Amino acid sequence: MSTRTATDTMAEDDEKGRFPSEMHKRQRSKNLTMLAVLVGLVALFYVLALVRMGGG
């Protein structure tokens, strides 16, 4: 029977991807920022199209 420490278990969990690395957190933040920018542009173009067609 092997004895495992909490550090060993955390290291194994990290390798399995249960704890995202700092790089993954930064990439996710960038992705969410880009999503917000794209949604904002879509909304802006939609409003501009409505105004140009005389609907607003």
PDB file of N, CA and C in Angstrom:
ATOM      1  N   MET A   1       0.850  -1.167   0.000  1.00  0.00           N
ATOM      2  CA  MET A   1       0.000   0.000   0.000  1.00  0.00           C
ATOM      3  C   MET A   1       0.900   1.234   0.000  1.00  0.00           C
ATOM      4  N   SER A   2       0.637   2.143  -0.947  1.00  0.00           N
ATOM      5  CA  SER A   2       1.481   3.332  -1.039  1.00  0.00           C
ATOM      6  C   SER A   2       0.833   4.490  -0.287  1.00  0.00           C
ATOM      7  N   THR A   3       1.694   5.328   0.237  1.00  0.00           N
ATOM      8  CA  THR A   3       1.185   6.513   0.927  1.00  0.00           C
ATOM      9  C   THR A   3       1.324   7.693  -0.018  1.00  0.00           C
ATOM     10  N   ARG A   4       0.263   8.465  -0.129  1.00  0.00           N
ATOM     11  CA  ARG A   4       0.265   9.623  -1.021  1.00  0.00           C
ATOM     12  C   ARG A   4       0.029  10.880  -0.195  1.00  0.00           C
ATOM     13  N   THR A   5       0.808  11.884  -0.500  1.00  0.00           N
ATOM     14  CA  THR A   5       0.640  13.149   0.212  1.00  0.00           C
ATOM     15  C   THR A   5      -0.346  14.034  -0.553  1.00  0.00           C
ATOM     16  N   ALA A   6      -0.780  15.089   0.096  1.00  0.00           N
ATOM     17  CA  ALA A   6      -1.703  16.030  -0.548  1.00  0.00           C
ATOM     18  C   ALA A   6      -1.049  16.679  -1.768  1.00  0.00           C
ATOM     19  N   THR A   7       0.256  16.909  -1.689  1.00  0.00           N
ATOM     20  CA  THR A   7       0.973  17.512  -2.815  1.00  0.00           C
ATOM     21  C   THR A   7       0.968  16.576  -4.010  1.00  0.00           C
ATOM     22  N   ASP A   8       1.171  15.281  -3.769  1.00  0.00           N
ATOM     23  CA  ASP A   8       1.131  14.308  -4.855  1.00  0.00           C
ATOM     24  C   ASP A   8      -0.238  14.296  -5.512  1.00  0.00           C
ATOM     25  N   THR A   9      -1.272  14.315  -4.713  1.00  0.00           N
ATOM     26  CA  THR A   9      -2.629  14.284  -5.248  1.00  0.00           C
ATOM     27  C   THR A   9      -2.914  15.546  -6.050  1.00  0.00           C
ATOM     28  N   MET A  10      -2.499  16.717  -5.549  1.00  0.00           N
ATOM     29  CA  MET A  10      -2.726  17.963  -6.272  1.00  0.00           C
ATOM     30  C   MET A  10      -1.958  17.969  -7.587  1.00  0.00           C
ATOM     31  N   ALA A  11      -0.755  17.435  -7.587  1.00  0.00           N
ATOM     32  CA  ALA A  11       0.038  17.383  -8.808  1.00  0.00           C
ATOM     33  C   ALA A  11      -0.644  16.491  -9.838  1.00  0.00           C
ATOM     34  N   GLU A  12      -1.188  15.374  -9.396  1.00  0.00           N
ATOM     35  CA  GLU A  12      -1.906  14.490 -10.315  1.00  0.00           C
ATOM     36  C   GLU A  12      -3.154  15.163 -10.853  1.00  0.00           C
ATOM     37  N   ASP A  13      -3.887  15.879 -10.000  1.00  0.00           N
ATOM     38  CA  ASP A  13      -5.081  16.589 -10.445  1.00  0.00           C
ATOM     39  C   ASP A  13      -4.716  17.656 -11.470  1.00  0.00           C
ATOM     40  N   ASP A  14      -3.593  18.348 -11.246  1.00  0.00           N
ATOM     41  CA  ASP A  14      -3.165  19.386 -12.171  1.00  0.00           C
ATOM     42  C   ASP A  14      -2.847  18.773 -13.531  1.00  0.00           C
ATOM     43  N   GLU A  15      -2.200  17.613 -13.537  1.00  0.00           N
ATOM     44  CA  GLU A  15      -1.877  16.940 -14.789  1.00  0.00           C
ATOM     45  C   GLU A  15      -3.135  16.500 -15.515  1.00  0.00           C
ATOM     46  N   LYS A  16      -4.178  16.178 -14.788  1.00  0.00           N
ATOM     47  CA  LYS A  16      -5.436  15.759 -15.404  1.00  0.00           C
ATOM     48  C   LYS A  16      -6.269  16.948 -15.853  1.00  0.00           C
ATOM     49  N   GLY A  17      -5.838  18.165 -15.531  1.00  0.00           N
ATOM     50  CA  GLY A  17      -6.522  19.354 -15.992  1.00  0.00           C
ATOM     51  C   GLY A  17      -7.610  19.856 -15.074  1.00  0.00           C
ATOM     52  N   ARG A  18      -7.638  19.417 -13.848  1.00  0.00           N
ATOM     53  CA  ARG A  18      -8.691  19.870 -12.941  1.00  0.00           C
ATOM     54  C   ARG A  18      -8.406  21.259 -12.392  1.00  0.00           C
ATOM     55  N   PHE A  19      -7.134  21.626 -12.358  1.00  0.00           N
ATOM     56  CA  PHE A  19      -6.744  22.951 -11.905  1.00  0.00           C
ATOM     57  C   PHE A  19      -6.084  23.663 -13.083  1.00  0.00           C
ATOM     58  N   PRO A  20      -6.781  24.635 -13.690  1.00  0.00           N
ATOM     59  CA  PRO A  20      -6.189  25.294 -14.864  1.00  0.00           C
ATOM     60  C   PRO A  20      -4.949  26.095 -14.500  1.00  0.00           C
ATOM     61  N   SER A  21      -3.997  26.089 -15.390  1.00  0.00           N
ATOM     62  CA  SER A  21      -2.766  26.827 -15.155  1.00  0.00           C
ATOM     63  C   SER A  21      -3.012  28.318 -15.360  1.00  0.00           C
ATOM     64  N   GLU A  22      -2.041  29.111 -14.986  1.00  0.00           N
ATOM     65  CA  GLU A  22      -2.157  30.568 -15.153  1.00  0.00           C
ATOM     66  C   GLU A  22      -2.311  30.926 -16.628  1.00  0.00           C
ATOM     67  N   MET A  23      -1.631  30.203 -17.497  1.00  0.00           N
ATOM     68  CA  MET A  23      -1.741  30.462 -18.934  1.00  0.00           C
ATOM     69  C   MET A  23      -3.172  30.235 -19.416  1.00  0.00           C
ATOM     70  N   HIS A  24      -3.801  29.163 -18.941  1.00  0.00           N
ATOM     71  CA  HIS A  24      -5.176  28.878 -19.344  1.00  0.00           C
ATOM     72  C   HIS A  24      -6.141  29.941 -18.824  1.00  0.00           C
ATOM     73  N   LYS A  25      -5.893  30.428 -17.620  1.00  0.00           N
ATOM     74  CA  LYS A  25      -6.749  31.484 -17.061  1.00  0.00           C
ATOM     75  C   LYS A  25      -6.638  32.756 -17.886  1.00  0.00           C
ATOM     76  N   ARG A  26      -5.391  33.121 -18.283  1.00  0.00           N
ATOM     77  CA  ARG A  26      -5.200  34.320 -19.097  1.00  0.00           C
ATOM     78  C   ARG A  26      -5.847  34.150 -20.470  1.00  0.00           C
ATOM     79  N   GLN A  27      -5.702  32.963 -21.061  1.00  0.00           N
ATOM     80  CA  GLN A  27      -6.288  32.722 -22.376  1.00  0.00           C
ATOM     81  C   GLN A  27      -7.809  32.787 -22.309  1.00  0.00           C
ATOM     82  N   ARG A  28      -8.379  32.234 -21.245  1.00  0.00           N
ATOM     83  CA  ARG A  28      -9.841  32.292 -21.091  1.00  0.00           C
ATOM     84  C   ARG A  28     -10.313  33.734 -20.937  1.00  0.00           C
ATOM     85  N   SER A  29      -9.553  34.524 -20.209  1.00  0.00           N
ATOM     86  CA  SER A  29      -9.885  35.934 -20.033  1.00  0.00           C
ATOM     87  C   SER A  29      -9.846  36.664 -21.374  1.00  0.00           C
ATOM     88  N   LYS A  30      -8.828  36.390 -22.168  1.00  0.00           N
ATOM     89  CA  LYS A  30      -8.732  37.001 -23.495  1.00  0.00           C
ATOM     90  C   LYS A  30      -9.903  36.577 -24.374  1.00  0.00           C
ATOM     91  N   ASN A  31     -10.259  35.301 -24.309  1.00  0.00           N
ATOM     92  CA  ASN A  31     -11.368  34.798 -25.113  1.00  0.00           C
ATOM     93  C   ASN A  31     -12.679  35.462 -24.724  1.00  0.00           C
ATOM     94  N   LEU A  32     -12.915  35.633 -23.435  1.00  0.00           N
ATOM     95  CA  LEU A  32     -14.142  36.280 -22.982  1.00  0.00           C
ATOM     96  C   LEU A  32     -14.172  37.752 -23.390  1.00  0.00           C
ATOM     97  N   THR A  33     -13.017  38.405 -23.368  1.00  0.00           N
ATOM     98  CA  THR A  33     -12.930  39.794 -23.809  1.00  0.00           C
ATOM     99  C   THR A  33     -13.264  39.899 -25.296  1.00  0.00           C
ATOM    100  N   MET A  34     -12.709  39.004 -26.086  1.00  0.00           N
ATOM    101  CA  MET A  34     -12.999  39.008 -27.523  1.00  0.00           C
ATOM    102  C   MET A  34     -14.471  38.722 -27.788  1.00  0.00           C
ATOM    103  N   LEU A  35     -15.063  37.830 -27.022  1.00  0.00           N
ATOM    104  CA  LEU A  35     -16.490  37.546 -27.160  1.00  0.00           C
ATOM    105  C   LEU A  35     -17.307  38.807 -26.894  1.00  0.00           C
ATOM    106  N   ALA A  36     -16.966  39.528 -25.839  1.00  0.00           N
ATOM    107  CA  ALA A  36     -17.689  40.759 -25.504  1.00  0.00           C
ATOM    108  C   ALA A  36     -17.544  41.797 -26.618  1.00  0.00           C
ATOM    109  N   VAL A  37     -16.345  41.925 -27.171  1.00  0.00           N
ATOM    110  CA  VAL A  37     -16.126  42.881 -28.264  1.00  0.00           C
ATOM    111  C   VAL A  37     -16.958  42.501 -29.478  1.00  0.00           C
ATOM    112  N   LEU A  38     -16.961  41.222 -29.835  1.00  0.00           N
ATOM    113  CA  LEU A  38     -17.726  40.780 -31.004  1.00  0.00           C
ATOM    114  C   LEU A  38     -19.226  40.970 -30.807  1.00  0.00           C
ATOM    115  N   VAL A  39     -19.725  40.641 -29.627  1.00  0.00           N
ATOM    116  CA  VAL A  39     -21.150  40.832 -29.341  1.00  0.00           C
ATOM    117  C   VAL A  39     -21.493  42.319 -29.404  1.00  0.00           C
ATOM    118  N   GLY A  40     -20.621  43.158 -28.888  1.00  0.00           N
ATOM    119  CA  GLY A  40     -20.835  44.603 -28.957  1.00  0.00           C
ATOM    120  C   GLY A  40     -20.884  45.103 -30.394  1.00  0.00           C
ATOM    121  N   LEU A  41     -19.984  44.616 -31.241  1.00  0.00           N
ATOM    122  CA  LEU A  41     -19.989  45.023 -32.644  1.00  0.00           C
ATOM    123  C   LEU A  41     -21.253  44.561 -33.361  1.00  0.00           C
ATOM    124  N   VAL A  42     -21.679  43.348 -33.091  1.00  0.00           N
ATOM    125  CA  VAL A  42     -22.911  42.843 -33.697  1.00  0.00           C
ATOM    126  C   VAL A  42     -24.089  43.718 -33.291  1.00  0.00           C
ATOM    127  N   ALA A  43     -24.172  44.062 -32.012  1.00  0.00           N
ATOM    128  CA  ALA A  43     -25.255  44.916 -31.530  1.00  0.00           C
ATOM    129  C   ALA A  43     -25.175  46.294 -32.195  1.00  0.00           C
ATOM    130  N   LEU A  44     -23.982  46.863 -32.308  1.00  0.00           N
ATOM    131  CA  LEU A  44     -23.810  48.165 -32.946  1.00  0.00           C
ATOM    132  C   LEU A  44     -24.258  48.121 -34.402  1.00  0.00           C
ATOM    133  N   PHE A  45     -23.833  47.115 -35.142  1.00  0.00           N
ATOM    134  CA  PHE A  45     -24.229  46.998 -36.553  1.00  0.00           C
ATOM    135  C   PHE A  45     -25.731  46.807 -36.695  1.00  0.00           C
ATOM    136  N   TYR A  46     -26.331  46.074 -35.794  1.00  0.00           N
ATOM    137  CA  TYR A  46     -27.780  45.859 -35.816  1.00  0.00           C
ATOM    138  C   TYR A  46     -28.519  47.176 -35.611  1.00  0.00           C
ATOM    139  N   VAL A  47     -28.077  47.945 -34.629  1.00  0.00           N
ATOM    140  CA  VAL A  47     -28.720  49.233 -34.352  1.00  0.00           C
ATOM    141  C   VAL A  47     -28.517  50.178 -35.523  1.00  0.00           C
ATOM    142  N   LEU A  48     -27.308  50.227 -36.095  1.00  0.00           N
ATOM    143  CA  LEU A  48     -27.055  51.074 -37.244  1.00  0.00           C
ATOM    144  C   LEU A  48     -27.938  50.681 -38.425  1.00  0.00           C
ATOM    145  N   ALA A  49     -28.100  49.402 -38.651  1.00  0.00           N
ATOM    146  CA  ALA A  49     -28.961  48.945 -39.744  1.00  0.00           C
ATOM    147  C   ALA A  49     -30.402  49.370 -39.519  1.00  0.00           C
ATOM    148  N   LEU A  50     -30.882  49.263 -38.283  1.00  0.00           N
ATOM    149  CA  LEU A  50     -32.259  49.698 -37.992  1.00  0.00           C
ATOM    150  C   LEU A  50     -32.422  51.191 -38.221  1.00  0.00           C
ATOM    151  N   VAL A  51     -31.459  51.980 -37.793  1.00  0.00           N
ATOM    152  CA  VAL A  51     -31.545  53.422 -37.960  1.00  0.00           C
ATOM    153  C   VAL A  51     -31.511  53.799 -39.426  1.00  0.00           C
ATOM    154  N   ARG A  52     -30.636  53.174 -40.206  1.00  0.00           N
ATOM    155  CA  ARG A  52     -30.526  53.503 -41.630  1.00  0.00           C
ATOM    156  C   ARG A  52     -31.780  53.118 -42.393  1.00  0.00           C
ATOM    157  N   MET A  53     -32.468  52.073 -41.959  1.00  0.00           N
ATOM    158  CA  MET A  53     -33.698  51.665 -42.648  1.00  0.00           C
ATOM    159  C   MET A  53     -34.903  52.462 -42.134  1.00  0.00           C
ATOM    160  N   GLY A  54     -34.691  53.330 -41.204  1.00  0.00           N
ATOM    161  CA  GLY A  54     -35.765  54.176 -40.711  1.00  0.00           C
ATOM    162  C   GLY A  54     -36.612  53.529 -39.648  1.00  0.00           C
ATOM    163  N   GLY A  55     -36.120  52.478 -39.038  1.00  0.00           N
ATOM    164  CA  GLY A  55     -36.902  51.791 -38.013  1.00  0.00           C
ATOM    165  C   GLY A  55     -36.671  52.342 -36.621  1.00  0.00           C
ATOM    166  N   GLY A  56     -35.800  53.324 -36.467  1.00  0.00           N
ATOM    167  CA  GLY A  56     -35.508  53.773 -35.119  1.00  0.00           C
ATOM    168  C   GLY A  56     -35.442  55.180 -34.989  1.00  0.00           C
TER     169      GLY A  56
END
